[in-house]
Amino acid sequence: MFVELRQYRIQPGRSEEWVKYMEEELIPFQVSKGMVVLGSWIGEQDPTVYVWMRRFESESERERLYKAVYESDTWKNRMSARVGELIDRTQIVVTRLTATPRSVIQ
């Protein structure tokens, strides 16, 4: 099992719009495809910082779920363009994390 920590930079002045879009559209869509979303956060002192985490059981599961989400017509024809309006895709940072032995998230 591993966790994917995704860090985004939201376009200035669009934080509320981005969070609403994530919580009402993107996360439910991804969950409907089988993604496990552990949570999402906004920077307390910098509202342009957005972080969220997803859990995968294996690399093969991650590949299958990426395909189900990012190669879907819904993503390509409706969601992708909107994401590009709300965040700076050039600043996306994705970090894969493996739990330490005593981590409560396993």
Foldseek 3Di string as FASTA:
>chain_A
DKKKKKKFFWDPPCLVVVVCCCVPPVVVVLVVLPWAWPDKDADPVHRRIIITMTDDPDPVRVVSSCCSQCVDCCCVVPNVVVVVVTTPVVPMDMDMGDDDPPDPPD
